[in-house]
Amino acid sequence: RWQVTWVWLGMATAFHVLVGGWAMVATGCA
């Protein structure tokens, strides 16, 4: 469920840019 994945990653990044940001980079590569 890729669309939902990006929403949750956006929430994670909003709270902590390193936790959510690096996860977003890894997910983008995947």
PDB file of all heavy atoms in Angstrom:
ATOM      1  N   ARG A   1       0.874  -1.185   0.000  1.00  0.00           N
ATOM      2  CA  ARG A   1       0.000   0.000   0.000  1.00  0.00           C
ATOM      3  C   ARG A   1       0.906   1.229   0.000  1.00  0.00           C
ATOM      4  O   ARG A   1       1.139   1.857   1.023  1.00  0.00           O
ATOM      5  CB  ARG A   1      -0.917  -0.037   1.219  1.00  0.00           C
ATOM      6  CG  ARG A   1      -1.844  -1.247   1.241  1.00  0.00           C
ATOM      7  CD  ARG A   1      -2.488  -1.429   2.600  1.00  0.00           C
ATOM      8  NE  ARG A   1      -3.293  -0.274   2.972  1.00  0.00           N
ATOM      9  CZ  ARG A   1      -3.713  -0.045   4.216  1.00  0.00           C
ATOM     10  NH1 ARG A   1      -3.397  -0.886   5.187  1.00  0.00           N
ATOM     11  NH2 ARG A   1      -4.436   1.018   4.484  1.00  0.00           N
ATOM     12  N   TRP A   2       1.424   1.553  -1.164  1.00  0.00           N
ATOM     13  CA  TRP A   2       2.455   2.573  -1.267  1.00  0.00           C
ATOM     14  C   TRP A   2       1.964   3.964  -0.884  1.00  0.00           C
ATOM     15  O   TRP A   2       2.686   4.737  -0.233  1.00  0.00           O
ATOM     16  CB  TRP A   2       3.025   2.599  -2.684  1.00  0.00           C
ATOM     17  CG  TRP A   2       3.955   1.460  -2.945  1.00  0.00           C
ATOM     18  CD1 TRP A   2       3.643   0.256  -3.496  1.00  0.00           C
ATOM     19  CD2 TRP A   2       5.357   1.400  -2.641  1.00  0.00           C
ATOM     20  NE1 TRP A   2       4.761  -0.546  -3.567  1.00  0.00           N
ATOM     21  CE2 TRP A   2       5.821   0.137  -3.053  1.00  0.00           C
ATOM     22  CE3 TRP A   2       6.250   2.303  -2.072  1.00  0.00           C
ATOM     23  CZ2 TRP A   2       7.153  -0.254  -2.908  1.00  0.00           C
ATOM     24  CZ3 TRP A   2       7.576   1.924  -1.919  1.00  0.00           C
ATOM     25  CH2 TRP A   2       8.011   0.665  -2.334  1.00  0.00           C
ATOM     26  N   GLN A   3       0.753   4.312  -1.266  1.00  0.00           N
ATOM     27  CA  GLN A   3       0.248   5.649  -0.940  1.00  0.00           C
ATOM     28  C   GLN A   3       0.150   5.855   0.564  1.00  0.00           C
ATOM     29  O   GLN A   3       0.524   6.921   1.096  1.00  0.00           O
ATOM     30  CB  GLN A   3      -1.102   5.872  -1.616  1.00  0.00           C
ATOM     31  CG  GLN A   3      -1.023   5.952  -3.138  1.00  0.00           C
ATOM     32  CD  GLN A   3      -2.370   6.213  -3.772  1.00  0.00           C
ATOM     33  OE1 GLN A   3      -3.414   5.966  -3.164  1.00  0.00           O
ATOM     34  NE2 GLN A   3      -2.359   6.699  -5.003  1.00  0.00           N
ATOM     35  N   VAL A   4      -0.335   4.851   1.275  1.00  0.00           N
ATOM     36  CA  VAL A   4      -0.424   4.942   2.736  1.00  0.00           C
ATOM     37  C   VAL A   4       0.970   4.988   3.343  1.00  0.00           C
ATOM     38  O   VAL A   4       1.216   5.697   4.330  1.00  0.00           O
ATOM     39  CB  VAL A   4      -1.229   3.752   3.294  1.00  0.00           C
ATOM     40  CG1 VAL A   4      -1.298   3.806   4.814  1.00  0.00           C
ATOM     41  CG2 VAL A   4      -2.630   3.739   2.702  1.00  0.00           C
ATOM     42  N   THR A   5       1.906   4.241   2.735  1.00  0.00           N
ATOM     43  CA  THR A   5       3.284   4.241   3.226  1.00  0.00           C
ATOM     44  C   THR A   5       3.863   5.644   3.243  1.00  0.00           C
ATOM     45  O   THR A   5       4.474   6.075   4.232  1.00  0.00           O
ATOM     46  CB  THR A   5       4.163   3.341   2.340  1.00  0.00           C
ATOM     47  OG1 THR A   5       3.670   1.998   2.391  1.00  0.00           O
ATOM     48  CG2 THR A   5       5.620   3.372   2.805  1.00  0.00           C
ATOM     49  N   TRP A   6       3.659   6.405   2.164  1.00  0.00           N
ATOM     50  CA  TRP A   6       4.217   7.762   2.093  1.00  0.00           C
ATOM     51  C   TRP A   6       3.576   8.684   3.125  1.00  0.00           C
ATOM     52  O   TRP A   6       4.247   9.571   3.675  1.00  0.00           O
ATOM     53  CB  TRP A   6       4.041   8.330   0.688  1.00  0.00           C
ATOM     54  CG  TRP A   6       4.783   7.586  -0.368  1.00  0.00           C
ATOM     55  CD1 TRP A   6       4.251   6.952  -1.456  1.00  0.00           C
ATOM     56  CD2 TRP A   6       6.208   7.377  -0.444  1.00  0.00           C
ATOM     57  NE1 TRP A   6       5.246   6.356  -2.201  1.00  0.00           N
ATOM     58  CE2 TRP A   6       6.453   6.601  -1.610  1.00  0.00           C
ATOM     59  CE3 TRP A   6       7.281   7.753   0.351  1.00  0.00           C
ATOM     60  CZ2 TRP A   6       7.737   6.211  -1.985  1.00  0.00           C
ATOM     61  CZ3 TRP A   6       8.566   7.366  -0.019  1.00  0.00           C
ATOM     62  CH2 TRP A   6       8.780   6.611  -1.174  1.00  0.00           C
ATOM     63  N   VAL A   7       2.288   8.472   3.414  1.00  0.00           N
ATOM     64  CA  VAL A   7       1.615   9.301   4.417  1.00  0.00           C
ATOM     65  C   VAL A   7       2.246   9.076   5.790  1.00  0.00           C
ATOM     66  O   VAL A   7       2.582  10.034   6.511  1.00  0.00           O
ATOM     67  CB  VAL A   7       0.108   8.991   4.458  1.00  0.00           C
ATOM     68  CG1 VAL A   7      -0.549   9.700   5.643  1.00  0.00           C
ATOM     69  CG2 VAL A   7      -0.561   9.418   3.158  1.00  0.00           C
ATOM     70  N   TRP A   8       2.425   7.802   6.165  1.00  0.00           N
ATOM     71  CA  TRP A   8       3.036   7.504   7.465  1.00  0.00           C
ATOM     72  C   TRP A   8       4.474   8.000   7.531  1.00  0.00           C
ATOM     73  O   TRP A   8       4.913   8.503   8.583  1.00  0.00           O
ATOM     74  CB  TRP A   8       2.978   6.007   7.746  1.00  0.00           C
ATOM     75  CG  TRP A   8       1.623   5.442   8.022  1.00  0.00           C
ATOM     76  CD1 TRP A   8       1.066   4.326   7.464  1.00  0.00           C
ATOM     77  CD2 TRP A   8       0.642   5.938   8.951  1.00  0.00           C
ATOM     78  NE1 TRP A   8      -0.185   4.095   7.963  1.00  0.00           N
ATOM     79  CE2 TRP A   8      -0.478   5.072   8.876  1.00  0.00           C
ATOM     80  CE3 TRP A   8       0.592   7.029   9.814  1.00  0.00           C
ATOM     81  CZ2 TRP A   8      -1.615   5.264   9.648  1.00  0.00           C
ATOM     82  CZ3 TRP A   8      -0.547   7.225  10.590  1.00  0.00           C
ATOM     83  CH2 TRP A   8      -1.627   6.355  10.502  1.00  0.00           C
ATOM     84  N   LEU A   9       5.212   7.874   6.449  1.00  0.00           N
ATOM     85  CA  LEU A   9       6.587   8.374   6.436  1.00  0.00           C
ATOM     86  C   LEU A   9       6.612   9.890   6.571  1.00  0.00           C
ATOM     87  O   LEU A   9       7.508  10.449   7.216  1.00  0.00           O
ATOM     88  CB  LEU A   9       7.288   7.944   5.145  1.00  0.00           C
ATOM     89  CG  LEU A   9       7.649   6.462   5.033  1.00  0.00           C
ATOM     90  CD1 LEU A   9       8.245   6.162   3.669  1.00  0.00           C
ATOM     91  CD2 LEU A   9       8.626   6.051   6.142  1.00  0.00           C
ATOM     92  N   GLY A  10       5.641  10.560   5.967  1.00  0.00           N
ATOM     93  CA  GLY A  10       5.547  12.005   6.136  1.00  0.00           C
ATOM     94  C   GLY A  10       5.289  12.389   7.577  1.00  0.00           C
ATOM     95  O   GLY A  10       5.869  13.362   8.092  1.00  0.00           O
ATOM     96  N   MET A  11       4.434  11.627   8.268  1.00  0.00           N
ATOM     97  CA  MET A  11       4.180  11.879   9.684  1.00  0.00           C
ATOM     98  C   MET A  11       5.443  11.654  10.508  1.00  0.00           C
ATOM     99  O   MET A  11       5.759  12.451  11.411  1.00  0.00           O
ATOM    100  CB  MET A  11       3.057  10.965  10.172  1.00  0.00           C
ATOM    101  CG  MET A  11       1.710  11.236   9.538  1.00  0.00           C
ATOM    102  SD  MET A  11       0.959  12.767  10.126  1.00  0.00           S
ATOM    103  CE  MET A  11       0.524  12.299  11.799  1.00  0.00           C
ATOM    104  N   ALA A  12       6.163  10.581  10.202  1.00  0.00           N
ATOM    105  CA  ALA A  12       7.407  10.305  10.926  1.00  0.00           C
ATOM    106  C   ALA A  12       8.415  11.429  10.734  1.00  0.00           C
ATOM    107  O   ALA A  12       9.073  11.873  11.681  1.00  0.00           O
ATOM    108  CB  ALA A  12       7.995   8.968  10.468  1.00  0.00           C
ATOM    109  N   THR A  13       8.535  11.915   9.508  1.00  0.00           N
ATOM    110  CA  THR A  13       9.474  12.989   9.212  1.00  0.00           C
ATOM    111  C   THR A  13       9.071  14.279   9.899  1.00  0.00           C
ATOM    112  O   THR A  13       9.930  15.056  10.343  1.00  0.00           O
ATOM    113  CB  THR A  13       9.571  13.207   7.693  1.00  0.00           C
ATOM    114  OG1 THR A  13       9.905  11.964   7.057  1.00  0.00           O
ATOM    115  CG2 THR A  13      10.628  14.235   7.349  1.00  0.00           C
ATOM    116  N   ALA A  14       7.772  14.534  10.007  1.00  0.00           N
ATOM    117  CA  ALA A  14       7.306  15.748  10.664  1.00  0.00           C
ATOM    118  C   ALA A  14       7.722  15.780  12.132  1.00  0.00           C
ATOM    119  O   ALA A  14       8.030  16.844  12.675  1.00  0.00           O
ATOM    120  CB  ALA A  14       5.789  15.860  10.544  1.00  0.00           C
ATOM    121  N   PHE A  15       7.737  14.613  12.771  1.00  0.00           N
ATOM    122  CA  PHE A  15       8.120  14.568  14.179  1.00  0.00           C
ATOM    123  C   PHE A  15       9.636  14.510  14.364  1.00  0.00           C
ATOM    124  O   PHE A  15      10.166  15.099  15.300  1.00  0.00           O
ATOM    125  CB  PHE A  15       7.458  13.369  14.865  1.00  0.00           C
ATOM    126  CG  PHE A  15       6.071  13.651  15.342  1.00  0.00           C
ATOM    127  CD1 PHE A  15       4.981  13.368  14.541  1.00  0.00           C
ATOM    128  CD2 PHE A  15       5.856  14.211  16.588  1.00  0.00           C
ATOM    129  CE1 PHE A  15       3.687  13.640  14.975  1.00  0.00           C
ATOM    130  CE2 PHE A  15       4.578  14.491  17.032  1.00  0.00           C
ATOM    131  CZ  PHE A  15       3.486  14.203  16.224  1.00  0.00           C
ATOM    132  N   HIS A  16      10.332  13.767  13.503  1.00  0.00           N
ATOM    133  CA  HIS A  16      11.786  13.650  13.644  1.00  0.00           C
ATOM    134  C   HIS A  16      12.382  13.481  12.247  1.00  0.00           C
ATOM    135  O   HIS A  16      12.239  12.442  11.620  1.00  0.00           O
ATOM    136  CB  HIS A  16      12.155  12.462  14.527  1.00  0.00           C
ATOM    137  CG  HIS A  16      13.534  12.531  15.092  1.00  0.00           C
ATOM    138  ND1 HIS A  16      14.656  12.301  14.328  1.00  0.00           N
ATOM    139  CD2 HIS A  16      13.983  12.818  16.348  1.00  0.00           C
ATOM    140  CE1 HIS A  16      15.733  12.417  15.094  1.00  0.00           C
ATOM    141  NE2 HIS A  16      15.351  12.743  16.318  1.00  0.00           N
ATOM    142  N   VAL A  17      13.066  14.527  11.793  1.00  0.00           N
ATOM    143  CA  VAL A  17      13.502  14.559  10.396  1.00  0.00           C
ATOM    144  C   VAL A  17      14.516  13.467  10.080  1.00  0.00           C
ATOM    145  O   VAL A  17      14.557  12.961   8.946  1.00  0.00           O
ATOM    146  CB  VAL A  17      14.065  15.959  10.053  1.00  0.00           C
ATOM    147  CG1 VAL A  17      15.362  16.222  10.813  1.00  0.00           C
ATOM    148  CG2 VAL A  17      14.260  16.116   8.562  1.00  0.00           C
ATOM    149  N   LEU A  18      15.326  13.066  11.057  1.00  0.00           N
ATOM    150  CA  LEU A  18      16.319  12.028  10.777  1.00  0.00           C
ATOM    151  C   LEU A  18      15.670  10.648  10.690  1.00  0.00           C
ATOM    152  O   LEU A  18      15.964   9.870   9.772  1.00  0.00           O
ATOM    153  CB  LEU A  18      17.410  12.032  11.850  1.00  0.00           C
ATOM    154  CG  LEU A  18      18.303  13.270  11.875  1.00  0.00           C
ATOM    155  CD1 LEU A  18      19.339  13.151  12.986  1.00  0.00           C
ATOM    156  CD2 LEU A  18      19.000  13.464  10.530  1.00  0.00           C
ATOM    157  N   VAL A  19      14.805  10.326  11.645  1.00  0.00           N
ATOM    158  CA  VAL A  19      14.129   9.026  11.617  1.00  0.00           C
ATOM    159  C   VAL A  19      13.277   8.890  10.362  1.00  0.00           C
ATOM    160  O   VAL A  19      13.400   7.932   9.590  1.00  0.00           O
ATOM    161  CB  VAL A  19      13.262   8.840  12.881  1.00  0.00           C
ATOM    162  CG1 VAL A  19      12.417   7.568  12.762  1.00  0.00           C
ATOM    163  CG2 VAL A  19      14.131   8.761  14.117  1.00  0.00           C
ATOM    164  N   GLY A  20      12.397   9.862  10.143  1.00  0.00           N
ATOM    165  CA  GLY A  20      11.512   9.780   8.987  1.00  0.00           C
ATOM    166  C   GLY A  20      12.220  10.049   7.678  1.00  0.00           C
ATOM    167  O   GLY A  20      11.913   9.416   6.658  1.00  0.00           O
ATOM    168  N   GLY A  21      13.174  10.974   7.694  1.00  0.00           N
ATOM    169  CA  GLY A  21      13.864  11.329   6.453  1.00  0.00           C
ATOM    170  C   GLY A  21      14.675  10.192   5.880  1.00  0.00           C
ATOM    171  O   GLY A  21      14.588   9.891   4.686  1.00  0.00           O
ATOM    172  N   TRP A  22      15.470   9.550   6.732  1.00  0.00           N
ATOM    173  CA  TRP A  22      16.275   8.424   6.239  1.00  0.00           C
ATOM    174  C   TRP A  22      15.395   7.251   5.825  1.00  0.00           C
ATOM    175  O   TRP A  22      15.700   6.539   4.857  1.00  0.00           O
ATOM    176  CB  TRP A  22      17.283   7.985   7.289  1.00  0.00           C
ATOM    177  CG  TRP A  22      18.490   8.862   7.351  1.00  0.00           C
ATOM    178  CD1 TRP A  22      18.880   9.658   8.377  1.00  0.00           C
ATOM    179  CD2 TRP A  22      19.474   9.046   6.311  1.00  0.00           C
ATOM    180  NE1 TRP A  22      20.031  10.333   8.055  1.00  0.00           N
ATOM    181  CE2 TRP A  22      20.423   9.965   6.790  1.00  0.00           C
ATOM    182  CE3 TRP A  22      19.639   8.524   5.035  1.00  0.00           C
ATOM    183  CZ2 TRP A  22      21.519  10.377   6.038  1.00  0.00           C
ATOM    184  CZ3 TRP A  22      20.733   8.926   4.278  1.00  0.00           C
ATOM    185  CH2 TRP A  22      21.648   9.833   4.780  1.00  0.00           C
ATOM    186  N   ALA A  23      14.299   7.035   6.564  1.00  0.00           N
ATOM    187  CA  ALA A  23      13.364   5.971   6.172  1.00  0.00           C
ATOM    188  C   ALA A  23      12.735   6.276   4.824  1.00  0.00           C
ATOM    189  O   ALA A  23      12.521   5.377   3.995  1.00  0.00           O
ATOM    190  CB  ALA A  23      12.291   5.803   7.235  1.00  0.00           C
ATOM    191  N   MET A  24      12.452   7.559   4.571  1.00  0.00           N
ATOM    192  CA  MET A  24      11.871   7.945   3.289  1.00  0.00           C
ATOM    193  C   MET A  24      12.867   7.732   2.152  1.00  0.00           C
ATOM    194  O   MET A  24      12.497   7.274   1.056  1.00  0.00           O
ATOM    195  CB  MET A  24      11.414   9.402   3.345  1.00  0.00           C
ATOM    196  CG  MET A  24      10.525   9.816   2.183  1.00  0.00           C
ATOM    197  SD  MET A  24       9.764  11.437   2.425  1.00  0.00           S
ATOM    198  CE  MET A  24       8.563  11.086   3.702  1.00  0.00           C
ATOM    199  N   VAL A  25      14.139   8.030   2.409  1.00  0.00           N
ATOM    200  CA  VAL A  25      15.176   7.788   1.395  1.00  0.00           C
ATOM    201  C   VAL A  25      15.275   6.294   1.082  1.00  0.00           C
ATOM    202  O   VAL A  25      15.321   5.892  -0.093  1.00  0.00           O
ATOM    203  CB  VAL A  25      16.528   8.331   1.873  1.00  0.00           C
ATOM    204  CG1 VAL A  25      17.655   7.871   0.938  1.00  0.00           C
ATOM    205  CG2 VAL A  25      16.503   9.856   1.947  1.00  0.00           C
ATOM    206  N   ALA A  26      15.308   5.460   2.137  1.00  0.00           N
ATOM    207  CA  ALA A  26      15.410   4.010   1.935  1.00  0.00           C
ATOM    208  C   ALA A  26      14.187   3.472   1.200  1.00  0.00           C
ATOM    209  O   ALA A  26      14.308   2.637   0.287  1.00  0.00           O
ATOM    210  CB  ALA A  26      15.566   3.310   3.286  1.00  0.00           C
ATOM    211  N   THR A  27      13.000   3.974   1.568  1.00  0.00           N
ATOM    212  CA  THR A  27      11.781   3.524   0.901  1.00  0.00           C
ATOM    213  C   THR A  27      11.748   3.983  -0.552  1.00  0.00           C
ATOM    214  O   THR A  27      11.287   3.250  -1.445  1.00  0.00           O
ATOM    215  CB  THR A  27      10.545   4.049   1.644  1.00  0.00           C
ATOM    216  OG1 THR A  27      10.608   3.649   3.012  1.00  0.00           O
ATOM    217  CG2 THR A  27       9.270   3.503   1.028  1.00  0.00           C
ATOM    218  N   GLY A  28      12.243   5.197  -0.810  1.00  0.00           N
ATOM    219  CA  GLY A  28      12.311   5.682  -2.186  1.00  0.00           C
ATOM    220  C   GLY A  28      13.209   4.812  -3.044  1.00  0.00           C
ATOM    221  O   GLY A  28      12.882   4.516  -4.202  1.00  0.00           O
ATOM    222  N   CYS A  29      14.345   4.378  -2.480  1.00  0.00           N
ATOM    223  CA  CYS A  29      15.238   3.475  -3.217  1.00  0.00           C
ATOM    224  C   CYS A  29      14.546   2.148  -3.504  1.00  0.00           C
ATOM    225  O   CYS A  29      14.664   1.593  -4.611  1.00  0.00           O
ATOM    226  CB  CYS A  29      16.524   3.245  -2.415  1.00  0.00           C
ATOM    227  SG  CYS A  29      17.576   4.703  -2.251  1.00  0.00           S
ATOM    228  N   ALA A  30      13.821   1.636  -2.507  1.00  0.00           N
ATOM    229  CA  ALA A  30      13.089   0.384  -2.713  1.00  0.00           C
ATOM    230  C   ALA A  30      12.026   0.538  -3.793  1.00  0.00           C
ATOM    231  O   ALA A  30      11.813  -0.370  -4.613  1.00  0.00           O
ATOM    232  CB  ALA A  30      12.451  -0.065  -1.400  1.00  0.00           C
TER     233      ALA A  30
END
